[in-house]
C-alpha atoms as a PDB file:
ATOM      1  CA  UNK A   1      69.007  38.541 104.856  1.00  0.00           C
ATOM      2  CA  UNK A   2      65.711  40.092 103.890  1.00  0.00           C
ATOM      3  CA  UNK A   3      64.961  42.873 101.438  1.00  0.00           C
ATOM      4  CA  UNK A   4      62.834  45.937 102.186  1.00  0.00           C
ATOM      5  CA  UNK A   5      61.678  48.716  99.875  1.00  0.00           C
ATOM      6  CA  UNK A   6      61.984  52.424 100.536  1.00  0.00           C
ATOM      7  CA  UNK A   7      58.559  54.055 100.141  1.00  0.00           C
ATOM      8  CA  UNK A   8      57.941  57.365  98.334  1.00  0.00           C
ATOM      9  CA  UNK A   9      57.854  58.936 101.828  1.00  0.00           C
ATOM     10  CA  UNK A  10      61.314  57.433 102.554  1.00  0.00           C
ATOM     11  CA  UNK A  11      59.890  54.889 105.004  1.00  0.00           C
ATOM     12  CA  UNK A  12      60.752  51.209 105.414  1.00  0.00           C
ATOM     13  CA  UNK A  13      58.944  48.369 107.158  1.00  0.00           C
ATOM     14  CA  UNK A  14      61.030  46.140 109.421  1.00  0.00           C
ATOM     15  CA  UNK A  15      60.000  42.539 108.620  1.00  0.00           C
ATOM     16  CA  UNK A  16      57.913  40.873 111.348  1.00  0.00           C
ATOM     17  CA  UNK A  17      60.397  38.037 112.104  1.00  0.00           C
ATOM     18  CA  UNK A  18      63.032  40.658 112.944  1.00  0.00           C
ATOM     19  CA  UNK A  19      60.559  42.760 114.961  1.00  0.00           C
ATOM     20  CA  UNK A  20      59.552  39.714 117.006  1.00  0.00           C
ATOM     21  CA  UNK A  21      63.126  38.506 117.528  1.00  0.00           C
ATOM     22  CA  UNK A  22      64.271  41.924 118.736  1.00  0.00           C
ATOM     23  CA  UNK A  23      61.115  42.718 120.707  1.00  0.00           C
ATOM     24  CA  UNK A  24      60.410  45.913 118.785  1.00  0.00           C
ATOM     25  CA  UNK A  25      57.098  47.700 119.284  1.00  0.00           C
ATOM     26  CA  UNK A  26      55.187  50.276 117.262  1.00  0.00           C
ATOM     27  CA  UNK A  27      56.240  53.819 118.098  1.00  0.00           C
ATOM     28  CA  UNK A  28      59.524  52.698 119.683  1.00  0.00           C
ATOM     29  CA  UNK A  29      62.259  55.317 119.223  1.00  0.00           C
ATOM     30  CA  UNK A  30      65.223  54.217 117.118  1.00  0.00           C
ATOM     31  CA  UNK A  31      68.638  55.781 116.625  1.00  0.00           C
ATOM     32  CA  UNK A  32      70.047  55.726 113.105  1.00  0.00           C
ATOM     33  CA  UNK A  33      73.662  55.930 111.987  1.00  0.00           C
ATOM     34  CA  UNK A  34      75.437  55.837 108.636  1.00  0.00           C
ATOM     35  CA  UNK A  35      78.739  53.952 108.686  1.00  0.00           C
ATOM     36  CA  UNK A  36      80.869  53.113 105.636  1.00  0.00           C
ATOM     37  CA  UNK A  37      77.904  53.245 103.263  1.00  0.00           C
ATOM     38  CA  UNK A  38      75.603  51.218 105.568  1.00  0.00           C
ATOM     39  CA  UNK A  39      72.599  52.356 107.569  1.00  0.00           C
ATOM     40  CA  UNK A  40      72.341  50.969 111.100  1.00  0.00           C
ATOM     41  CA  UNK A  41      69.289  51.199 113.360  1.00  0.00           C
ATOM     42  CA  UNK A  42      69.588  50.985 117.140  1.00  0.00           C
ATOM     43  CA  UNK A  43      66.430  50.600 119.209  1.00  0.00           C
ATOM     44  CA  UNK A  44      66.362  52.832 122.264  1.00  0.00           C
ATOM     45  CA  UNK A  45      65.836  50.735 125.363  1.00  0.00           C
ATOM     46  CA  UNK A  46      64.403  51.626 128.747  1.00  0.00           C
ATOM     47  CA  UNK A  47      67.216  52.146 131.261  1.00  0.00           C
ATOM     48  CA  UNK A  48      65.694  49.390 133.400  1.00  0.00           C
ATOM     49  CA  UNK A  49      66.467  46.871 130.645  1.00  0.00           C
ATOM     50  CA  UNK A  50      70.182  47.630 131.016  1.00  0.00           C
ATOM     51  CA  UNK A  51      70.338  46.522 134.651  1.00  0.00           C
ATOM     52  CA  UNK A  52      73.057  43.903 135.031  1.00  0.00           C
ATOM     53  CA  UNK A  53      74.327  43.969 131.437  1.00  0.00           C
ATOM     54  CA  UNK A  54      77.908  44.438 132.689  1.00  0.00           C
ATOM     55  CA  UNK A  55      77.680  41.566 135.149  1.00  0.00           C
ATOM     56  CA  UNK A  56      80.761  39.384 134.874  1.00  0.00           C
ATOM     57  CA  UNK A  57      82.926  41.982 133.145  1.00  0.00           C
ATOM     58  CA  UNK A  58      86.617  41.685 133.970  1.00  0.00           C
ATOM     59  CA  UNK A  59      87.662  44.739 136.005  1.00  0.00           C
ATOM     60  CA  UNK A  60      91.184  43.514 136.800  1.00  0.00           C
ATOM     61  CA  UNK A  61      93.531  45.906 135.060  1.00  0.00           C
ATOM     62  CA  UNK A  62      96.457  48.053 136.114  1.00  0.00           C
ATOM     63  CA  UNK A  63      95.653  51.717 136.509  1.00  0.00           C
ATOM     64  CA  UNK A  64      98.092  54.471 135.594  1.00  0.00           C
ATOM     65  CA  UNK A  65      99.672  56.303 138.554  1.00  0.00           C
ATOM     66  CA  UNK A  66      97.933  59.600 137.734  1.00  0.00           C
ATOM     67  CA  UNK A  67      94.477  57.952 137.729  1.00  0.00           C
ATOM     68  CA  UNK A  68      92.319  57.009 140.686  1.00  0.00           C
END
């Protein structure tokens, strides 16, 4: 775990090892969420990057009678 400091303008810098590992780029939009006293950042990804992410998911389940 690394430590960052909140600037007087309420900005933080994401450490370079994390930026490289996650493939983050300057100007990339991020979503932010507060959850149980924690701040979570979610990088927005191009829809093309999501192609195939559900490959292999198990779709065998019993549907209710009133559902298609």
